[in-house]
C-alpha atoms as a PDB file:
ATOM      1  CA  UNK A   1       0.000   0.000   0.000  1.00  0.00           C
ATOM      2  CA  UNK A   2       1.455   3.386  -0.943  1.00  0.00           C
ATOM      3  CA  UNK A   3       2.314   5.660   1.989  1.00  0.00           C
ATOM      4  CA  UNK A   4      -0.458   8.188   1.246  1.00  0.00           C
ATOM      5  CA  UNK A   5      -3.028   5.395   0.932  1.00  0.00           C
ATOM      6  CA  UNK A   6      -1.828   3.983   4.257  1.00  0.00           C
ATOM      7  CA  UNK A   7      -2.348   7.383   5.899  1.00  0.00           C
ATOM      8  CA  UNK A   8      -5.867   7.629   4.474  1.00  0.00           C
ATOM      9  CA  UNK A   9      -6.669   4.109   5.646  1.00  0.00           C
ATOM     10  CA  UNK A  10      -5.285   4.836   9.118  1.00  0.00           C
ATOM     11  CA  UNK A  11      -7.490   7.933   9.313  1.00  0.00           C
ATOM     12  CA  UNK A  12     -10.487   5.819   8.313  1.00  0.00           C
ATOM     13  CA  UNK A  13      -9.660   3.263  11.002  1.00  0.00           C
ATOM     14  CA  UNK A  14      -9.399   5.979  13.646  1.00  0.00           C
ATOM     15  CA  UNK A  15     -12.652   7.603  12.510  1.00  0.00           C
ATOM     16  CA  UNK A  16     -14.519   4.302  12.633  1.00  0.00           C
ATOM     17  CA  UNK A  17     -13.066   3.643  16.093  1.00  0.00           C
ATOM     18  CA  UNK A  18     -14.460   6.996  17.286  1.00  0.00           C
ATOM     19  CA  UNK A  19     -17.867   6.115  15.818  1.00  0.00           C
ATOM     20  CA  UNK A  20     -17.900   2.662  17.392  1.00  0.00           C
ATOM     21  CA  UNK A  21     -16.631   3.934  20.751  1.00  0.00           C
ATOM     22  CA  UNK A  22     -19.615   6.294  20.810  1.00  0.00           C
ATOM     23  CA  UNK A  23     -22.184   3.668  19.860  1.00  0.00           C
ATOM     24  CA  UNK A  24     -22.511   4.590  16.173  1.00  0.00           C
ATOM     25  CA  UNK A  25     -22.041   2.533  13.042  1.00  0.00           C
ATOM     26  CA  UNK A  26     -21.385   3.768   9.545  1.00  0.00           C
ATOM     27  CA  UNK A  27     -23.132   0.972   7.675  1.00  0.00           C
ATOM     28  CA  UNK A  28     -21.868   1.694   4.152  1.00  0.00           C
ATOM     29  CA  UNK A  29     -18.118   2.206   4.167  1.00  0.00           C
ATOM     30  CA  UNK A  30     -16.604   2.733   0.736  1.00  0.00           C
ATOM     31  CA  UNK A  31     -14.177   5.287  -0.668  1.00  0.00           C
ATOM     32  CA  UNK A  32     -16.631   7.988  -1.817  1.00  0.00           C
ATOM     33  CA  UNK A  33     -19.286   7.575   0.874  1.00  0.00           C
ATOM     34  CA  UNK A  34     -19.921   9.029   4.317  1.00  0.00           C
ATOM     35  CA  UNK A  35     -23.312   8.070   5.748  1.00  0.00           C
ATOM     36  CA  UNK A  36     -23.780   7.789   9.525  1.00  0.00           C
ATOM     37  CA  UNK A  37     -26.349   5.565  11.196  1.00  0.00           C
ATOM     38  CA  UNK A  38     -26.620   5.753  14.979  1.00  0.00           C
ATOM     39  CA  UNK A  39     -27.319   2.588  16.942  1.00  0.00           C
ATOM     40  CA  UNK A  40     -26.338   0.735  20.066  1.00  0.00           C
ATOM     41  CA  UNK A  41     -28.056  -2.533  19.178  1.00  0.00           C
ATOM     42  CA  UNK A  42     -28.563  -4.953  16.322  1.00  0.00           C
ATOM     43  CA  UNK A  43     -30.663  -3.825  13.376  1.00  0.00           C
ATOM     44  CA  UNK A  44     -32.971  -6.033  11.354  1.00  0.00           C
ATOM     45  CA  UNK A  45     -31.918  -6.890   7.792  1.00  0.00           C
ATOM     46  CA  UNK A  46     -33.594  -5.058   4.912  1.00  0.00           C
ATOM     47  CA  UNK A  47     -32.440  -6.861   1.764  1.00  0.00           C
ATOM     48  CA  UNK A  48     -31.872  -4.615  -1.207  1.00  0.00           C
ATOM     49  CA  UNK A  49     -32.589  -1.383   0.652  1.00  0.00           C
ATOM     50  CA  UNK A  50     -29.222  -0.245   1.961  1.00  0.00           C
ATOM     51  CA  UNK A  51     -25.517  -0.502   1.417  1.00  0.00           C
ATOM     52  CA  UNK A  52     -23.528  -0.750  -1.760  1.00  0.00           C
ATOM     53  CA  UNK A  53     -22.959  -3.876  -3.802  1.00  0.00           C
ATOM     54  CA  UNK A  54     -19.377  -5.149  -3.400  1.00  0.00           C
ATOM     55  CA  UNK A  55     -18.915  -3.286  -0.092  1.00  0.00           C
ATOM     56  CA  UNK A  56     -21.882  -4.486   1.984  1.00  0.00           C
ATOM     57  CA  UNK A  57     -21.237  -7.187   4.578  1.00  0.00           C
ATOM     58  CA  UNK A  58     -23.199 -10.394   3.866  1.00  0.00           C
ATOM     59  CA  UNK A  59     -24.889 -10.340   7.265  1.00  0.00           C
ATOM     60  CA  UNK A  60     -26.361  -6.908   6.516  1.00  0.00           C
ATOM     61  CA  UNK A  61     -28.574  -8.538   3.895  1.00  0.00           C
ATOM     62  CA  UNK A  62     -29.393 -11.745   5.775  1.00  0.00           C
ATOM     63  CA  UNK A  63     -29.350 -11.314   9.560  1.00  0.00           C
ATOM     64  CA  UNK A  64     -29.590  -8.728  12.283  1.00  0.00           C
ATOM     65  CA  UNK A  65     -26.301  -6.824  12.241  1.00  0.00           C
ATOM     66  CA  UNK A  66     -24.148  -4.581  14.393  1.00  0.00           C
ATOM     67  CA  UNK A  67     -20.878  -2.646  14.200  1.00  0.00           C
ATOM     68  CA  UNK A  68     -19.095  -5.625  12.641  1.00  0.00           C
ATOM     69  CA  UNK A  69     -20.491  -4.655   9.220  1.00  0.00           C
ATOM     70  CA  UNK A  70     -18.089  -1.693   9.247  1.00  0.00           C
ATOM     71  CA  UNK A  71     -15.136  -4.062   9.639  1.00  0.00           C
ATOM     72  CA  UNK A  72     -16.132  -5.775   6.377  1.00  0.00           C
ATOM     73  CA  UNK A  73     -16.276  -2.416   4.587  1.00  0.00           C
ATOM     74  CA  UNK A  74     -12.895  -1.399   6.007  1.00  0.00           C
ATOM     75  CA  UNK A  75     -11.407  -4.652   4.730  1.00  0.00           C
ATOM     76  CA  UNK A  76     -12.757  -3.957   1.238  1.00  0.00           C
ATOM     77  CA  UNK A  77     -11.389  -0.409   1.268  1.00  0.00           C
ATOM     78  CA  UNK A  78      -8.004  -1.571   2.610  1.00  0.00           C
ATOM     79  CA  UNK A  79      -7.757  -4.171  -0.139  1.00  0.00           C
ATOM     80  CA  UNK A  80      -8.691  -1.608  -2.771  1.00  0.00           C
ATOM     81  CA  UNK A  81      -6.088   0.865  -1.486  1.00  0.00           C
ATOM     82  CA  UNK A  82      -3.446  -1.877  -1.509  1.00  0.00           C
ATOM     83  CA  UNK A  83      -4.144  -3.542  -4.847  1.00  0.00           C
ATOM     84  CA  UNK A  84      -5.925  -0.785  -6.782  1.00  0.00           C
ATOM     85  CA  UNK A  85      -9.080  -2.815  -7.334  1.00  0.00           C
ATOM     86  CA  UNK A  86     -11.990  -4.203  -5.388  1.00  0.00           C
ATOM     87  CA  UNK A  87     -11.522  -7.737  -3.977  1.00  0.00           C
END
């Protein structure tokens, strides 16, 4: 991962940590998107109504979900910053 990309990714990690530490989840992490959703509990799935294809965590479409969906999105963004393409 190029140095500048690593700095951007680190900033994203820190920002998501602040959100999670305060009981918020992002819910749709991807390079061009900032969309905050506040919650302290699991949310019910709503297939086809939220998130972005190729970035959305599988459980967001199938099961109640929590902050872990942001970890999936961060992994996708980290991969994309490292390899220049989506996984």
